[in-house]
Amino acid sequence: MNRLIIIIMASSLLWGLSSCIKDDRNNFLPDECVYFLESSLHEVKASEGQFGLVLIKSGKGLSSCDVTIKVDEDALNEYNAVNDMSLAVLPENVFTLSETSTHFGKTDFRKKVEVSWEPAALSALLGIKEYAIPLKLECRGLEADSERSVIIIQPVK
């Protein structure tokens, strides 16, 4: 009987001490952020009529967030200045986004958004000057990765 009590007390003590161990599982994981899988400039044939954007949420997986995709003329102007180019923003009536906003739950890590356009209408515009679609991520609930939050899609003939 005494032996049983000692075994129960020892196992209770070990169980109690093991619950005091600090949880370090997330120490080496980066903070969560949202970004485009492929950022910077992408040349796409106008005849293809679409381009797929992949949004990624990475990090610890403890938070959810709302993401908005917006046309950002300032991003295109900055790209033009750095790369000595003269791309103009493609008029918004020529292209469409399948979604302009989306929600990432705690367990979500990937979303896909399609950018599409009418190839014939776009080809007529491309004869006049070079156009691009500058898109920027804006995130509520988490931060957008500043280096990968802009994508510029340049339709070419």
N, C-alpha and C. Protein backbone atom coordinates (compact mmCIF):
# COMPACT_ATOMS: atom_id res chain seq x y z
N MET A 1 0.82 -1.19 0.00
CA MET A 1 0.00 0.00 0.00
C MET A 1 0.87 1.26 0.00
N ASN A 2 1.92 1.26 0.86
CA ASN A 2 2.82 2.41 0.91
C ASN A 2 3.54 2.59 -0.42
N ARG A 3 3.89 1.49 -1.01
CA ARG A 3 4.58 1.53 -2.31
C ARG A 3 3.67 2.15 -3.38
N LEU A 4 2.40 1.84 -3.38
CA LEU A 4 1.43 2.40 -4.33
C LEU A 4 1.28 3.91 -4.12
N ILE A 5 1.24 4.33 -2.89
CA ILE A 5 1.12 5.77 -2.60
C ILE A 5 2.38 6.50 -3.08
N ILE A 6 3.55 5.92 -2.86
CA ILE A 6 4.80 6.54 -3.31
C ILE A 6 4.83 6.63 -4.83
N ILE A 7 4.41 5.59 -5.51
CA ILE A 7 4.39 5.59 -6.99
C ILE A 7 3.42 6.66 -7.50
N ILE A 8 2.26 6.77 -6.88
CA ILE A 8 1.26 7.78 -7.30
C ILE A 8 1.81 9.18 -7.04
N MET A 9 2.43 9.41 -5.92
CA MET A 9 2.97 10.73 -5.60
C MET A 9 4.12 11.08 -6.55
N ALA A 10 4.97 10.13 -6.84
CA ALA A 10 6.10 10.39 -7.74
C ALA A 10 5.61 10.71 -9.15
N SER A 11 4.64 9.95 -9.63
CA SER A 11 4.13 10.22 -10.98
C SER A 11 3.39 11.55 -11.02
N SER A 12 2.68 11.91 -9.95
CA SER A 12 2.00 13.21 -9.88
C SER A 12 3.01 14.34 -9.89
N LEU A 13 4.11 14.15 -9.16
CA LEU A 13 5.16 15.16 -9.12
C LEU A 13 5.80 15.35 -10.49
N LEU A 14 6.12 14.25 -11.16
CA LEU A 14 6.70 14.34 -12.52
C LEU A 14 5.74 14.97 -13.50
N TRP A 15 4.47 14.63 -13.42
CA TRP A 15 3.47 15.22 -14.30
C TRP A 15 3.34 16.72 -14.04
N GLY A 16 3.34 17.10 -12.77
CA GLY A 16 3.25 18.51 -12.41
C GLY A 16 4.44 19.30 -12.88
N LEU A 17 5.64 18.75 -12.73
CA LEU A 17 6.85 19.44 -13.17
C LEU A 17 6.91 19.56 -14.69
N SER A 18 6.45 18.54 -15.40
CA SER A 18 6.51 18.59 -16.86
C SER A 18 5.56 19.64 -17.42
N SER A 19 4.51 20.00 -16.71
CA SER A 19 3.61 21.03 -17.20
C SER A 19 4.20 22.42 -17.02
N CYS A 20 5.27 22.55 -16.28
CA CYS A 20 5.92 23.84 -16.06
C CYS A 20 6.98 24.13 -17.12
N ILE A 21 7.22 23.21 -18.02
CA ILE A 21 8.23 23.40 -19.06
C ILE A 21 7.75 24.48 -20.02
N LYS A 22 8.63 25.39 -20.35
CA LYS A 22 8.31 26.50 -21.25
C LYS A 22 8.11 25.98 -22.68
N ASP A 23 7.10 26.50 -23.36
CA ASP A 23 6.80 26.09 -24.74
C ASP A 23 7.59 26.97 -25.71
N ASP A 24 8.61 26.42 -26.34
CA ASP A 24 9.46 27.17 -27.26
C ASP A 24 9.21 26.82 -28.72
N ARG A 25 8.07 26.21 -29.02
CA ARG A 25 7.84 25.74 -30.38
C ARG A 25 7.85 26.86 -31.41
N ASN A 26 7.41 28.07 -31.07
CA ASN A 26 7.31 29.15 -32.05
C ASN A 26 8.48 30.12 -32.02
N ASN A 27 9.51 29.85 -31.21
CA ASN A 27 10.61 30.80 -31.08
C ASN A 27 11.35 31.07 -32.39
N PHE A 28 11.51 30.07 -33.23
CA PHE A 28 12.32 30.24 -34.42
C PHE A 28 11.49 30.39 -35.70
N LEU A 29 10.19 30.50 -35.56
CA LEU A 29 9.34 30.75 -36.72
C LEU A 29 9.24 32.25 -36.94
N PRO A 30 9.21 32.69 -38.19
CA PRO A 30 9.09 34.13 -38.45
C PRO A 30 7.67 34.61 -38.12
N ASP A 31 7.56 35.91 -37.88
CA ASP A 31 6.24 36.50 -37.68
C ASP A 31 5.44 36.33 -38.96
N GLU A 32 4.13 36.33 -38.81
CA GLU A 32 3.26 36.12 -39.96
C GLU A 32 3.25 37.34 -40.88
N CYS A 33 3.17 37.09 -42.17
CA CYS A 33 3.04 38.16 -43.15
C CYS A 33 2.35 37.60 -44.40
N VAL A 34 1.90 38.51 -45.24
CA VAL A 34 1.21 38.14 -46.48
C VAL A 34 1.99 38.76 -47.63
N TYR A 35 2.08 38.03 -48.75
CA TYR A 35 2.83 38.54 -49.90
C TYR A 35 2.40 37.81 -51.16
N PHE A 36 2.81 38.39 -52.31
CA PHE A 36 2.63 37.72 -53.60
C PHE A 36 3.74 36.67 -53.72
N LEU A 37 3.39 35.48 -54.20
CA LEU A 37 4.39 34.45 -54.42
C LEU A 37 5.44 34.93 -55.42
N GLU A 38 4.98 35.57 -56.49
CA GLU A 38 5.88 36.14 -57.49
C GLU A 38 5.64 37.64 -57.50
N SER A 39 6.67 38.41 -57.19
CA SER A 39 6.51 39.86 -57.18
C SER A 39 7.38 40.48 -58.26
N SER A 40 7.39 41.79 -58.34
CA SER A 40 8.15 42.56 -59.32
C SER A 40 7.44 42.53 -60.68
N LEU A 41 8.19 42.65 -61.78
CA LEU A 41 7.61 42.76 -63.13
C LEU A 41 7.45 41.39 -63.78
N HIS A 42 6.27 41.19 -64.40
CA HIS A 42 6.00 39.96 -65.15
C HIS A 42 5.44 40.34 -66.51
N GLU A 43 6.14 39.94 -67.56
CA GLU A 43 5.64 40.16 -68.91
C GLU A 43 4.76 38.98 -69.30
N VAL A 44 3.56 39.29 -69.79
CA VAL A 44 2.58 38.26 -70.16
C VAL A 44 2.08 38.59 -71.56
N LYS A 45 1.96 37.59 -72.40
CA LYS A 45 1.42 37.82 -73.75
C LYS A 45 -0.03 38.26 -73.64
N ALA A 46 -0.35 39.34 -74.34
CA ALA A 46 -1.71 39.88 -74.30
C ALA A 46 -2.72 38.86 -74.79
N SER A 47 -2.30 37.99 -75.73
CA SER A 47 -3.22 36.99 -76.29
C SER A 47 -3.64 35.93 -75.26
N GLU A 48 -2.90 35.79 -74.16
CA GLU A 48 -3.26 34.79 -73.15
C GLU A 48 -4.54 35.16 -72.40
N GLY A 49 -4.81 36.44 -72.26
CA GLY A 49 -6.06 36.89 -71.67
C GLY A 49 -6.17 36.79 -70.17
N GLN A 50 -5.16 36.26 -69.48
CA GLN A 50 -5.23 36.19 -68.03
C GLN A 50 -3.85 35.95 -67.42
N PHE A 51 -3.78 36.20 -66.11
CA PHE A 51 -2.57 35.95 -65.34
C PHE A 51 -3.01 35.57 -63.93
N GLY A 52 -2.45 34.51 -63.39
CA GLY A 52 -2.82 34.05 -62.05
C GLY A 52 -1.89 34.61 -60.99
N LEU A 53 -2.47 35.24 -59.98
CA LEU A 53 -1.72 35.74 -58.83
C LEU A 53 -1.88 34.74 -57.69
N VAL A 54 -0.80 34.46 -56.99
CA VAL A 54 -0.87 33.58 -55.82
C VAL A 54 -0.48 34.42 -54.61
N LEU A 55 -1.37 34.46 -53.63
CA LEU A 55 -1.12 35.16 -52.37
C LEU A 55 -0.74 34.12 -51.32
N ILE A 56 0.27 34.43 -50.51
CA ILE A 56 0.78 33.51 -49.50
C ILE A 56 0.72 34.19 -48.13
N LYS A 57 0.26 33.43 -47.15
CA LYS A 57 0.37 33.86 -45.74
C LYS A 57 1.34 32.90 -45.08
N SER A 58 2.43 33.43 -44.56
CA SER A 58 3.44 32.56 -43.95
C SER A 58 3.67 32.97 -42.50
N GLY A 59 4.33 32.10 -41.77
CA GLY A 59 4.67 32.40 -40.38
C GLY A 59 4.09 31.38 -39.43
N LYS A 60 3.79 31.81 -38.23
CA LYS A 60 3.39 30.93 -37.13
C LYS A 60 2.01 30.32 -37.30
N GLY A 61 1.11 30.96 -38.02
CA GLY A 61 -0.22 30.42 -38.22
C GLY A 61 -1.14 30.64 -37.03
N LEU A 62 -0.95 31.74 -36.34
CA LEU A 62 -1.75 32.03 -35.15
C LEU A 62 -2.82 33.09 -35.40
N SER A 63 -2.79 33.75 -36.57
CA SER A 63 -3.68 34.88 -36.83
C SER A 63 -4.41 34.73 -38.14
N SER A 64 -5.51 35.47 -38.25
CA SER A 64 -6.23 35.58 -39.51
C SER A 64 -6.11 37.03 -39.98
N CYS A 65 -6.43 37.27 -41.25
CA CYS A 65 -6.33 38.64 -41.77
C CYS A 65 -7.20 38.80 -43.01
N ASP A 66 -7.47 40.05 -43.34
CA ASP A 66 -8.19 40.42 -44.56
C ASP A 66 -7.21 41.11 -45.48
N VAL A 67 -7.21 40.71 -46.75
CA VAL A 67 -6.28 41.26 -47.73
C VAL A 67 -7.06 41.93 -48.85
N THR A 68 -6.60 43.11 -49.26
CA THR A 68 -7.19 43.83 -50.37
C THR A 68 -6.11 44.03 -51.44
N ILE A 69 -6.49 43.84 -52.69
CA ILE A 69 -5.58 44.05 -53.82
C ILE A 69 -6.04 45.30 -54.54
N LYS A 70 -5.14 46.28 -54.66
CA LYS A 70 -5.49 47.56 -55.28
C LYS A 70 -4.50 47.92 -56.38
N VAL A 71 -4.99 48.65 -57.37
CA VAL A 71 -4.11 49.21 -58.39
C VAL A 71 -3.36 50.36 -57.75
N ASP A 72 -2.04 50.35 -57.87
CA ASP A 72 -1.21 51.36 -57.21
C ASP A 72 -0.32 52.07 -58.23
N GLU A 73 -0.75 53.24 -58.65
CA GLU A 73 0.01 54.01 -59.64
C GLU A 73 1.35 54.46 -59.09
N ASP A 74 1.44 54.74 -57.80
CA ASP A 74 2.70 55.15 -57.19
C ASP A 74 3.76 54.05 -57.31
N ALA A 75 3.36 52.81 -57.15
CA ALA A 75 4.30 51.69 -57.28
C ALA A 75 4.86 51.63 -58.70
N LEU A 76 3.99 51.87 -59.69
CA LEU A 76 4.45 51.86 -61.08
C LEU A 76 5.39 53.04 -61.35
N ASN A 77 5.07 54.21 -60.83
CA ASN A 77 5.94 55.37 -61.00
C ASN A 77 7.32 55.12 -60.38
N GLU A 78 7.34 54.50 -59.22
CA GLU A 78 8.61 54.18 -58.57
C GLU A 78 9.40 53.17 -59.40
N TYR A 79 8.71 52.16 -59.92
CA TYR A 79 9.37 51.16 -60.77
C TYR A 79 9.94 51.83 -62.03
N ASN A 80 9.15 52.71 -62.64
CA ASN A 80 9.62 53.42 -63.84
C ASN A 80 10.86 54.25 -63.55
N ALA A 81 10.89 54.95 -62.42
CA ALA A 81 12.03 55.78 -62.07
C ALA A 81 13.29 54.95 -61.83
N VAL A 82 13.16 53.83 -61.13
CA VAL A 82 14.30 52.99 -60.80
C VAL A 82 14.84 52.29 -62.05
N ASN A 83 13.95 51.87 -62.96
CA ASN A 83 14.36 51.07 -64.12
C ASN A 83 14.38 51.85 -65.43
N ASP A 84 14.24 53.16 -65.36
CA ASP A 84 14.27 54.03 -66.54
C ASP A 84 13.31 53.55 -67.62
N MET A 85 12.05 53.37 -67.23
CA MET A 85 11.01 52.92 -68.15
C MET A 85 9.88 53.95 -68.16
N SER A 86 8.94 53.76 -69.06
CA SER A 86 7.81 54.70 -69.14
C SER A 86 6.49 53.94 -69.30
N LEU A 87 6.29 52.95 -68.43
CA LEU A 87 5.04 52.19 -68.46
C LEU A 87 3.90 53.05 -67.92
N ALA A 88 2.73 52.92 -68.54
CA ALA A 88 1.54 53.63 -68.07
C ALA A 88 0.58 52.61 -67.45
N VAL A 89 -0.26 53.10 -66.54
CA VAL A 89 -1.24 52.22 -65.90
C VAL A 89 -2.32 51.87 -66.92
N LEU A 90 -2.56 50.58 -67.06
CA LEU A 90 -3.62 50.12 -67.95
C LEU A 90 -4.96 50.57 -67.40
N PRO A 91 -5.81 51.19 -68.24
CA PRO A 91 -7.12 51.64 -67.74
C PRO A 91 -7.89 50.49 -67.09
N GLU A 92 -8.54 50.79 -65.97
CA GLU A 92 -9.21 49.74 -65.18
C GLU A 92 -10.41 49.13 -65.89
N ASN A 93 -10.91 49.76 -66.94
CA ASN A 93 -12.04 49.17 -67.67
C ASN A 93 -11.58 48.09 -68.66
N VAL A 94 -10.27 47.91 -68.81
CA VAL A 94 -9.74 46.93 -69.75
C VAL A 94 -9.47 45.58 -69.07
N PHE A 95 -9.25 45.57 -67.77
CA PHE A 95 -8.94 44.32 -67.07
C PHE A 95 -9.85 44.16 -65.85
N THR A 96 -9.94 42.93 -65.36
CA THR A 96 -10.72 42.65 -64.15
C THR A 96 -9.95 41.71 -63.24
N LEU A 97 -10.21 41.84 -61.96
CA LEU A 97 -9.66 40.92 -60.95
C LEU A 97 -10.79 40.02 -60.50
N SER A 98 -10.52 38.72 -60.37
CA SER A 98 -11.56 37.80 -59.92
C SER A 98 -12.00 38.13 -58.49
N GLU A 99 -11.08 38.65 -57.68
CA GLU A 99 -11.38 39.09 -56.32
C GLU A 99 -10.51 40.30 -56.01
N THR A 100 -11.10 41.30 -55.38
CA THR A 100 -10.28 42.44 -54.94
C THR A 100 -9.98 42.36 -53.46
N SER A 101 -10.68 41.47 -52.75
CA SER A 101 -10.35 41.25 -51.34
C SER A 101 -10.62 39.79 -51.00
N THR A 102 -9.88 39.31 -50.02
CA THR A 102 -10.02 37.92 -49.58
C THR A 102 -9.67 37.83 -48.10
N HIS A 103 -10.04 36.73 -47.50
CA HIS A 103 -9.79 36.51 -46.07
C HIS A 103 -8.91 35.28 -45.90
N PHE A 104 -7.87 35.42 -45.09
CA PHE A 104 -7.04 34.30 -44.70
C PHE A 104 -7.41 33.92 -43.27
N GLY A 105 -7.89 32.70 -43.06
CA GLY A 105 -8.12 32.19 -41.72
C GLY A 105 -6.80 31.78 -41.09
N LYS A 106 -6.85 31.34 -39.84
CA LYS A 106 -5.62 30.93 -39.15
C LYS A 106 -4.90 29.80 -39.88
N THR A 107 -5.65 28.89 -40.48
CA THR A 107 -5.03 27.73 -41.13
C THR A 107 -4.84 27.92 -42.63
N ASP A 108 -5.32 29.01 -43.20
CA ASP A 108 -5.14 29.26 -44.64
C ASP A 108 -3.72 29.74 -44.89
N PHE A 109 -3.15 29.34 -46.00
CA PHE A 109 -1.80 29.81 -46.32
C PHE A 109 -1.65 30.18 -47.79
N ARG A 110 -2.67 29.94 -48.63
CA ARG A 110 -2.53 30.21 -50.06
C ARG A 110 -3.89 30.55 -50.65
N LYS A 111 -3.93 31.60 -51.46
CA LYS A 111 -5.13 31.99 -52.19
C LYS A 111 -4.72 32.35 -53.61
N LYS A 112 -5.62 32.14 -54.55
CA LYS A 112 -5.33 32.45 -55.95
C LYS A 112 -6.35 33.47 -56.46
N VAL A 113 -5.85 34.47 -57.19
CA VAL A 113 -6.68 35.51 -57.79
C VAL A 113 -6.30 35.61 -59.26
N GLU A 114 -7.30 35.70 -60.12
CA GLU A 114 -7.03 35.81 -61.56
C GLU A 114 -7.18 37.26 -62.03
N VAL A 115 -6.23 37.70 -62.82
CA VAL A 115 -6.34 38.99 -63.52
C VAL A 115 -6.64 38.62 -64.97
N SER A 116 -7.74 39.16 -65.50
CA SER A 116 -8.09 38.81 -66.89
C SER A 116 -8.39 40.07 -67.69
N TRP A 117 -8.29 39.94 -69.01
CA TRP A 117 -8.54 41.05 -69.93
C TRP A 117 -9.02 40.50 -71.25
N GLU A 118 -9.59 41.36 -72.05
CA GLU A 118 -10.03 40.99 -73.40
C GLU A 118 -8.83 41.19 -74.34
N PRO A 119 -8.29 40.12 -74.91
CA PRO A 119 -7.07 40.23 -75.72
C PRO A 119 -7.19 41.22 -76.89
N ALA A 120 -8.32 41.25 -77.57
CA ALA A 120 -8.46 42.14 -78.73
C ALA A 120 -8.42 43.61 -78.31
N ALA A 121 -9.12 43.94 -77.24
CA ALA A 121 -9.13 45.33 -76.77
C ALA A 121 -7.75 45.75 -76.27
N LEU A 122 -7.08 44.85 -75.60
CA LEU A 122 -5.75 45.16 -75.08
C LEU A 122 -4.74 45.31 -76.22
N SER A 123 -4.82 44.48 -77.22
CA SER A 123 -3.88 44.56 -78.35
C SER A 123 -4.00 45.90 -79.06
N ALA A 124 -5.21 46.43 -79.16
CA ALA A 124 -5.40 47.74 -79.80
C ALA A 124 -4.69 48.83 -78.99
N LEU A 125 -4.74 48.74 -77.67
CA LEU A 125 -4.09 49.74 -76.82
C LEU A 125 -2.57 49.61 -76.85
N LEU A 126 -2.06 48.39 -76.95
CA LEU A 126 -0.62 48.17 -76.90
C LEU A 126 0.11 48.77 -78.09
N GLY A 127 -0.60 49.03 -79.17
CA GLY A 127 0.03 49.68 -80.32
C GLY A 127 0.33 51.15 -80.07
N ILE A 128 -0.33 51.73 -79.08
CA ILE A 128 -0.18 53.15 -78.77
C ILE A 128 1.00 53.40 -77.83
N LYS A 129 1.03 52.69 -76.70
CA LYS A 129 2.12 52.80 -75.73
C LYS A 129 2.19 51.55 -74.88
N GLU A 130 3.21 51.47 -74.03
CA GLU A 130 3.38 50.31 -73.16
C GLU A 130 2.58 50.51 -71.88
N TYR A 131 1.78 49.50 -71.53
CA TYR A 131 0.95 49.56 -70.35
C TYR A 131 1.34 48.47 -69.36
N ALA A 132 0.93 48.67 -68.12
CA ALA A 132 1.15 47.66 -67.07
C ALA A 132 0.03 47.76 -66.05
N ILE A 133 -0.14 46.70 -65.29
CA ILE A 133 -1.13 46.64 -64.21
C ILE A 133 -0.34 46.53 -62.91
N PRO A 134 -0.18 47.64 -62.17
CA PRO A 134 0.54 47.58 -60.90
C PRO A 134 -0.43 47.26 -59.75
N LEU A 135 -0.20 46.16 -59.08
CA LEU A 135 -1.09 45.74 -58.00
C LEU A 135 -0.32 45.70 -56.69
N LYS A 136 -0.99 46.15 -55.62
CA LYS A 136 -0.36 46.18 -54.30
C LYS A 136 -1.29 45.53 -53.28
N LEU A 137 -0.68 44.79 -52.36
CA LEU A 137 -1.43 44.16 -51.27
C LEU A 137 -1.56 45.13 -50.10
N GLU A 138 -2.77 45.22 -49.57
CA GLU A 138 -2.98 45.92 -48.32
C GLU A 138 -3.63 44.92 -47.38
N CYS A 139 -3.12 44.84 -46.17
CA CYS A 139 -3.53 43.79 -45.25
C CYS A 139 -4.02 44.40 -43.94
N ARG A 140 -5.12 43.85 -43.44
CA ARG A 140 -5.65 44.26 -42.14
C ARG A 140 -5.61 43.03 -41.23
N GLY A 141 -4.89 43.14 -40.13
CA GLY A 141 -4.76 42.02 -39.21
C GLY A 141 -3.34 41.49 -39.16
N LEU A 142 -2.60 41.63 -40.24
CA LEU A 142 -1.19 41.24 -40.32
C LEU A 142 -0.48 42.26 -41.19
N GLU A 143 0.83 42.14 -41.26
CA GLU A 143 1.59 43.02 -42.14
C GLU A 143 1.79 42.36 -43.50
N ALA A 144 1.82 43.20 -44.53
CA ALA A 144 2.20 42.71 -45.86
C ALA A 144 3.72 42.83 -45.95
N ASP A 145 4.37 41.84 -46.52
CA ASP A 145 5.82 41.87 -46.70
C ASP A 145 6.15 43.02 -47.65
N SER A 146 6.90 44.01 -47.18
CA SER A 146 7.15 45.21 -47.96
C SER A 146 7.91 44.93 -49.26
N GLU A 147 8.75 43.90 -49.28
CA GLU A 147 9.53 43.59 -50.47
C GLU A 147 8.74 42.81 -51.51
N ARG A 148 7.66 42.13 -51.09
CA ARG A 148 6.91 41.28 -52.01
C ARG A 148 5.42 41.63 -52.03
N SER A 149 5.09 42.87 -51.74
CA SER A 149 3.69 43.26 -51.71
C SER A 149 3.23 43.94 -53.01
N VAL A 150 4.12 44.07 -53.98
CA VAL A 150 3.79 44.72 -55.26
C VAL A 150 4.12 43.78 -56.41
N ILE A 151 3.20 43.68 -57.36
CA ILE A 151 3.45 42.95 -58.58
C ILE A 151 3.04 43.85 -59.74
N ILE A 152 3.83 43.85 -60.80
CA ILE A 152 3.52 44.63 -61.99
C ILE A 152 3.40 43.67 -63.15
N ILE A 153 2.21 43.64 -63.74
CA ILE A 153 1.94 42.76 -64.87
C ILE A 153 1.98 43.60 -66.14
N GLN A 154 2.88 43.26 -67.04
CA GLN A 154 3.00 44.00 -68.28
C GLN A 154 2.57 43.12 -69.45
N PRO A 155 1.38 43.39 -69.99
CA PRO A 155 0.96 42.65 -71.19
C PRO A 155 1.79 43.12 -72.39
N VAL A 156 2.30 42.16 -73.16
CA VAL A 156 3.07 42.46 -74.37
C VAL A 156 2.48 41.75 -75.56
N LYS A 157 2.76 42.26 -76.75
CA LYS A 157 2.21 41.63 -77.97
C LYS A 157 2.84 40.31 -78.27
